[in-house]
Protein backbone atom coordinates (compact mmCIF):
# COMPACT_ATOMS: atom_id res chain seq x y z
CA UNK A 1 -12.35 -1.30 -7.58
CA UNK A 2 -9.49 0.88 -6.43
CA UNK A 3 -10.07 1.97 -2.84
CA UNK A 4 -7.64 4.89 -2.47
CA UNK A 5 -4.65 6.42 -4.18
CA UNK A 6 -3.71 6.33 -7.84
CA UNK A 7 0.10 6.26 -7.65
CA UNK A 8 0.23 9.87 -8.80
CA UNK A 9 -2.40 9.27 -11.50
CA UNK A 10 -0.72 6.20 -13.05
CA UNK A 11 -3.68 4.01 -12.12
CA UNK A 12 -5.95 6.31 -14.11
CA UNK A 13 -3.89 5.57 -17.22
CA UNK A 14 -4.26 1.80 -16.76
CA UNK A 15 -7.61 1.37 -15.04
CA UNK A 16 -11.07 2.14 -16.39
CA UNK A 17 -12.93 4.36 -13.89
CA UNK A 18 -16.16 4.40 -15.90
CA UNK A 19 -18.44 3.76 -12.90
CA UNK A 20 -18.59 5.64 -9.58
CA UNK A 21 -17.79 2.50 -7.58
CA UNK A 22 -14.52 1.85 -9.43
CA UNK A 23 -12.56 4.39 -7.36
CA UNK A 24 -13.51 5.86 -4.01
CA UNK A 25 -11.20 8.86 -4.31
CA UNK A 26 -7.76 9.89 -3.27
CA UNK A 27 -6.15 9.44 0.11
CA UNK A 28 -6.34 12.35 2.52
CA UNK A 29 -2.79 12.40 3.84
CA UNK A 30 -0.44 10.53 6.10
CA UNK A 31 -1.87 7.31 7.51
CA UNK A 32 -5.32 7.63 5.96
CA UNK A 33 -5.17 5.25 3.03
CA UNK A 34 -5.49 1.97 4.97
CA UNK A 35 -8.52 3.30 6.88
CA UNK A 36 -10.25 4.49 3.73
CA UNK A 37 -9.48 1.17 2.05
CA UNK A 38 -10.91 -0.86 4.93
CA UNK A 39 -14.09 1.22 4.83
CA UNK A 40 -14.45 0.76 1.08
CA UNK A 41 -13.78 -2.99 1.34
CA UNK A 42 -16.29 -3.36 4.18
CA UNK A 43 -18.92 -1.42 2.23
CA UNK A 44 -18.37 -3.74 -0.74
CA UNK A 45 -18.19 -6.98 1.26
CA UNK A 46 -20.43 -9.54 -0.44
CA UNK A 47 -20.76 -7.49 -3.65
CA UNK A 48 -18.40 -9.68 -5.66
CA UNK A 49 -16.17 -6.68 -6.36
CA UNK A 50 -12.44 -7.06 -5.87
CA UNK A 51 -11.29 -4.10 -3.76
CA UNK A 52 -7.64 -3.19 -4.28
CA UNK A 53 -5.51 -0.79 -2.24
CA UNK A 54 -2.24 0.37 -3.83
CA UNK A 55 -0.77 0.98 -0.38
CA UNK A 56 2.33 3.12 0.19
CA UNK A 57 4.76 1.70 2.72
CA UNK A 58 5.23 4.90 4.70
CA UNK A 59 1.47 5.43 4.96
CA UNK A 60 0.91 1.93 6.38
CA UNK A 61 3.64 2.50 8.95
CA UNK A 62 1.34 5.06 10.61
CA UNK A 63 -1.53 2.60 11.14
CA UNK A 64 -0.27 -0.96 10.81
CA UNK A 65 -2.76 -2.01 13.49
CA UNK A 66 -5.52 -1.59 10.90
CA UNK A 67 -4.36 -4.92 9.44
CA UNK A 68 -5.61 -6.66 12.57
CA UNK A 69 -9.09 -5.14 12.16
CA UNK A 70 -9.42 -6.50 8.62
CA UNK A 71 -8.40 -9.98 9.73
CA UNK A 72 -10.68 -10.00 12.77
CA UNK A 73 -13.72 -9.04 10.73
CA UNK A 74 -12.70 -10.93 7.55
CA UNK A 75 -12.80 -7.82 5.37
CA UNK A 76 -11.89 -8.95 1.84
CA UNK A 77 -9.26 -6.53 0.62
CA UNK A 78 -6.22 -6.90 -1.61
CA UNK A 79 -3.35 -4.67 -0.57
CA UNK A 80 -0.54 -4.30 -3.08
CA UNK A 81 2.27 -2.58 -1.24
CA UNK A 82 3.96 0.24 -3.12
CA UNK A 83 7.12 -0.29 -1.14
CA UNK A 84 9.90 2.11 -2.05
CA UNK A 85 11.33 1.75 1.46
CA UNK A 86 11.01 5.42 2.22
CA UNK A 87 8.79 8.24 3.39
CA UNK A 88 9.79 9.67 0.04
CA UNK A 89 7.48 12.71 -0.11
CA UNK A 90 9.05 13.94 3.10
CA UNK A 91 12.52 12.86 2.00
CA UNK A 92 12.17 14.86 -1.19
CA UNK A 93 11.06 17.85 0.89
CA UNK A 94 14.20 17.47 3.02
CA UNK A 95 16.31 17.48 -0.16
CA UNK A 96 14.62 20.69 -1.34
CA UNK A 97 15.12 22.31 2.07
CA UNK A 98 18.79 21.21 2.22
CA UNK A 99 19.42 22.84 -1.17
CA UNK A 100 17.57 25.97 -0.09
CA UNK A 101 19.53 26.23 3.15
CA UNK A 102 22.86 25.08 1.74
CA UNK A 103 23.08 22.10 4.10
CA UNK A 104 24.38 18.59 3.43
CA UNK A 105 22.10 16.69 1.00
CA UNK A 106 23.54 13.40 2.27
CA UNK A 107 21.70 13.93 5.55
CA UNK A 108 18.25 14.35 3.98
CA UNK A 109 17.48 10.63 4.38
CA UNK A 110 17.70 10.69 8.19
CA UNK A 111 14.32 9.64 9.55
CA UNK A 112 12.98 9.26 6.00
CA UNK A 113 14.34 5.92 4.81
CA UNK A 114 12.68 2.60 5.62
CA UNK A 115 15.65 0.26 5.39
CA UNK A 116 18.35 -0.96 7.74
CA UNK A 117 16.13 -2.81 8.75
CA UNK A 118 13.50 -2.83 6.03
CA UNK A 119 10.00 -3.47 7.41
CA UNK A 120 8.63 -6.88 6.45
CA UNK A 121 5.06 -5.95 5.52
CA UNK A 122 4.15 -9.48 4.46
CA UNK A 123 5.43 -10.83 7.78
CA UNK A 124 3.55 -8.12 9.64
CA UNK A 125 0.33 -8.89 7.77
CA UNK A 126 0.69 -12.65 8.41
CA UNK A 127 1.22 -11.96 12.11
CA UNK A 128 -2.15 -10.18 12.10
CA UNK A 129 -3.99 -13.03 10.35
CA UNK A 130 -3.67 -12.06 6.68
CA UNK A 131 -2.59 -14.15 3.74
CA UNK A 132 0.56 -12.39 2.56
CA UNK A 133 3.51 -12.77 0.23
CA UNK A 134 6.74 -10.85 -0.22
CA UNK A 135 8.78 -8.80 -0.26
CA UNK A 136 8.85 -9.26 -4.01
CA UNK A 137 11.80 -7.61 -5.71
CA UNK A 138 11.69 -9.39 -9.08
CA UNK A 139 8.90 -8.10 -11.36
CA UNK A 140 8.52 -11.57 -12.92
CA UNK A 141 7.34 -12.89 -9.53
CA UNK A 142 4.62 -10.28 -9.10
CA UNK A 143 1.87 -11.62 -11.37
CA UNK A 144 1.81 -15.14 -9.85
CA UNK A 145 1.78 -13.62 -6.36
CA UNK A 146 -1.11 -11.35 -7.30
CA UNK A 147 -3.04 -14.29 -8.72
CA UNK A 148 -2.60 -16.22 -5.45
CA UNK A 149 -3.65 -13.16 -3.47
CA UNK A 150 -6.77 -12.55 -5.58
CA UNK A 151 -7.79 -16.18 -5.01
CA UNK A 152 -7.58 -15.58 -1.25
CA UNK A 153 -9.62 -12.36 -1.40
CA UNK A 154 -12.29 -14.12 -3.45
CA UNK A 155 -12.75 -16.51 -0.51
CA UNK A 156 -13.42 -13.51 1.74
CA UNK A 157 -9.98 -13.10 3.31
CA UNK A 158 -7.67 -10.10 3.29
CA UNK A 159 -4.44 -10.53 1.32
CA UNK A 160 -1.29 -8.45 0.98
CA UNK A 161 1.45 -8.57 -1.65
CA UNK A 162 4.57 -6.61 -0.74
CA UNK A 163 5.98 -5.29 -4.01
CA UNK A 164 9.30 -3.51 -3.64
CA UNK A 165 9.62 -0.68 -6.13
CA UNK A 166 12.44 1.58 -7.22
CA UNK A 167 13.95 3.36 -4.28
CA UNK A 168 13.66 7.04 -4.96
């Protein structure tokens, strides 16, 4: 089941949501997706359902401590990081505002990018007791990593795969 978020409806094109438990609903805003996902995974613990969170990088930056909670209480959850290394919704807003105000577009990234240094979400998750892999930048490496992560979740452990996506 998909716990939160649909990657702007892309998941709905690829995933069958024919039962109410297949998707808990959309995220509520900044920093909410990990909390919703933990709640959904906890509610489904022991059900045999694989709970997946397509987790945006910027959103997790607001509540990275939630990773510790999942490890402490062995909440089986698969997080697939949607890591574009940016708070891109806000960045895009800054671009729109710069155009509107006639200011320098090259400054819109300030406080919006997540690189230089890029957060190591897999390292962060491991430091909190998760099984984790990444960052994965080659699409050919993603499926084997996901298979390893699913195997971990099926044993009752939380797992995270940090998939780096197009920077936009």
